[in-house]
Amino acid sequence: MAMCLYSNRQEKLKSVLGVQGIDGILITNFTNISYMCGFRGSSATCLIISEKQYFFSDGRYAEQSR
């Protein structure tokens, strides 16, 4: 259920990016990262582009990042 929620949010953002003619967005704010993918650690970045989304974090959060 939760993964579907986050996937829907990511797909909606990709749609908005496409309509606005924006190639992608780099998300660094922890509140926004939590909203977009559910990660609640203290060190992460998300990159969302029209074809894919990427999540970056350091090794301390390997388990939580999965």
C-alpha atoms as a PDB file:
ATOM      1  CA  MET A   1       0.000   0.000   0.000  1.00  0.00           C
ATOM      2  CA  ALA A   2       2.663   2.511   1.012  1.00  0.00           C
ATOM      3  CA  MET A   3       4.822   1.806  -2.056  1.00  0.00           C
ATOM      4  CA  CYS A   4       1.812   2.463  -4.267  1.00  0.00           C
ATOM      5  CA  LEU A   5       1.268   5.794  -2.499  1.00  0.00           C
ATOM      6  CA  TYR A   6       4.865   6.875  -3.118  1.00  0.00           C
ATOM      7  CA  SER A   7       4.851   5.611  -6.709  1.00  0.00           C
ATOM      8  CA  ASN A   8       1.703   7.607  -7.404  1.00  0.00           C
ATOM      9  CA  ARG A   9       3.285  10.749  -5.959  1.00  0.00           C
ATOM     10  CA  GLN A  10       6.417  10.256  -8.048  1.00  0.00           C
ATOM     11  CA  GLU A  11       4.441   9.652 -11.233  1.00  0.00           C
ATOM     12  CA  LYS A  12       2.324  12.735 -10.616  1.00  0.00           C
ATOM     13  CA  LEU A  13       5.454  14.836 -10.127  1.00  0.00           C
ATOM     14  CA  LYS A  14       6.927  13.438 -13.365  1.00  0.00           C
ATOM     15  CA  SER A  15       3.728  14.423 -15.146  1.00  0.00           C
ATOM     16  CA  VAL A  16       3.884  17.973 -13.811  1.00  0.00           C
ATOM     17  CA  LEU A  17       7.549  18.237 -14.786  1.00  0.00           C
ATOM     18  CA  GLY A  18       6.679  17.187 -18.336  1.00  0.00           C
ATOM     19  CA  VAL A  19       3.829  19.705 -18.628  1.00  0.00           C
ATOM     20  CA  GLN A  20       6.115  22.471 -17.358  1.00  0.00           C
ATOM     21  CA  GLY A  21       8.934  21.470 -19.712  1.00  0.00           C
ATOM     22  CA  ILE A  22      11.315  20.754 -16.816  1.00  0.00           C
ATOM     23  CA  ASP A  23      13.873  17.962 -17.246  1.00  0.00           C
ATOM     24  CA  GLY A  24      13.963  16.919 -13.600  1.00  0.00           C
ATOM     25  CA  ILE A  25      14.035  17.967  -9.989  1.00  0.00           C
ATOM     26  CA  LEU A  26      16.617  17.399  -7.258  1.00  0.00           C
ATOM     27  CA  ILE A  27      14.961  17.048  -3.865  1.00  0.00           C
ATOM     28  CA  THR A  28      17.137  17.725  -0.819  1.00  0.00           C
ATOM     29  CA  ASN A  29      14.616  18.833   1.801  1.00  0.00           C
ATOM     30  CA  PHE A  30      14.014  15.959   4.241  1.00  0.00           C
ATOM     31  CA  THR A  31      10.294  16.666   4.568  1.00  0.00           C
ATOM     32  CA  ASN A  32       9.893  16.501   0.789  1.00  0.00           C
ATOM     33  CA  ILE A  33      12.025  13.346   0.539  1.00  0.00           C
ATOM     34  CA  SER A  34       9.845  11.676   3.154  1.00  0.00           C
ATOM     35  CA  TYR A  35       6.724  12.736   1.258  1.00  0.00           C
ATOM     36  CA  MET A  36       8.015  11.470  -2.093  1.00  0.00           C
ATOM     37  CA  CYS A  37       9.546   8.140  -1.046  1.00  0.00           C
ATOM     38  CA  GLY A  38       8.922   7.490   2.656  1.00  0.00           C
ATOM     39  CA  PHE A  39      12.577   7.657   3.725  1.00  0.00           C
ATOM     40  CA  ARG A  40      12.920   9.197   7.183  1.00  0.00           C
ATOM     41  CA  GLY A  41      16.681   9.196   7.692  1.00  0.00           C
ATOM     42  CA  SER A  42      18.775  12.323   8.082  1.00  0.00           C
ATOM     43  CA  SER A  43      20.898  12.050   4.955  1.00  0.00           C
ATOM     44  CA  ALA A  44      19.372  11.592   1.513  1.00  0.00           C
ATOM     45  CA  THR A  45      18.717  13.172  -1.857  1.00  0.00           C
ATOM     46  CA  CYS A  46      16.196  12.279  -4.568  1.00  0.00           C
ATOM     47  CA  LEU A  47      16.494  12.990  -8.263  1.00  0.00           C
ATOM     48  CA  ILE A  48      13.326  12.629 -10.285  1.00  0.00           C
ATOM     49  CA  ILE A  49      13.427  12.865 -14.073  1.00  0.00           C
ATOM     50  CA  SER A  50      10.791  11.991 -16.651  1.00  0.00           C
ATOM     51  CA  GLU A  51      11.972   8.390 -17.187  1.00  0.00           C
ATOM     52  CA  LYS A  52      13.208   7.403 -13.717  1.00  0.00           C
ATOM     53  CA  GLN A  53      13.715   8.358 -10.135  1.00  0.00           C
ATOM     54  CA  TYR A  54      16.931   7.994  -8.141  1.00  0.00           C
ATOM     55  CA  PHE A  55      17.520   7.850  -4.400  1.00  0.00           C
ATOM     56  CA  PHE A  56      20.916   8.604  -2.845  1.00  0.00           C
ATOM     57  CA  SER A  57      21.929   8.091   0.763  1.00  0.00           C
ATOM     58  CA  ASP A  58      25.033   7.103   2.660  1.00  0.00           C
ATOM     59  CA  GLY A  59      25.924   3.632   3.900  1.00  0.00           C
ATOM     60  CA  ARG A  60      24.466   4.163   7.377  1.00  0.00           C
ATOM     61  CA  TYR A  61      20.995   3.834   5.859  1.00  0.00           C
ATOM     62  CA  ALA A  62      21.509   0.786   3.631  1.00  0.00           C
ATOM     63  CA  GLU A  63      18.799  -1.231   5.359  1.00  0.00           C
ATOM     64  CA  GLN A  64      16.294   1.621   5.647  1.00  0.00           C
ATOM     65  CA  SER A  65      16.873   2.666   2.026  1.00  0.00           C
ATOM     66  CA  ARG A  66      15.649  -0.647   0.666  1.00  0.00           C
END
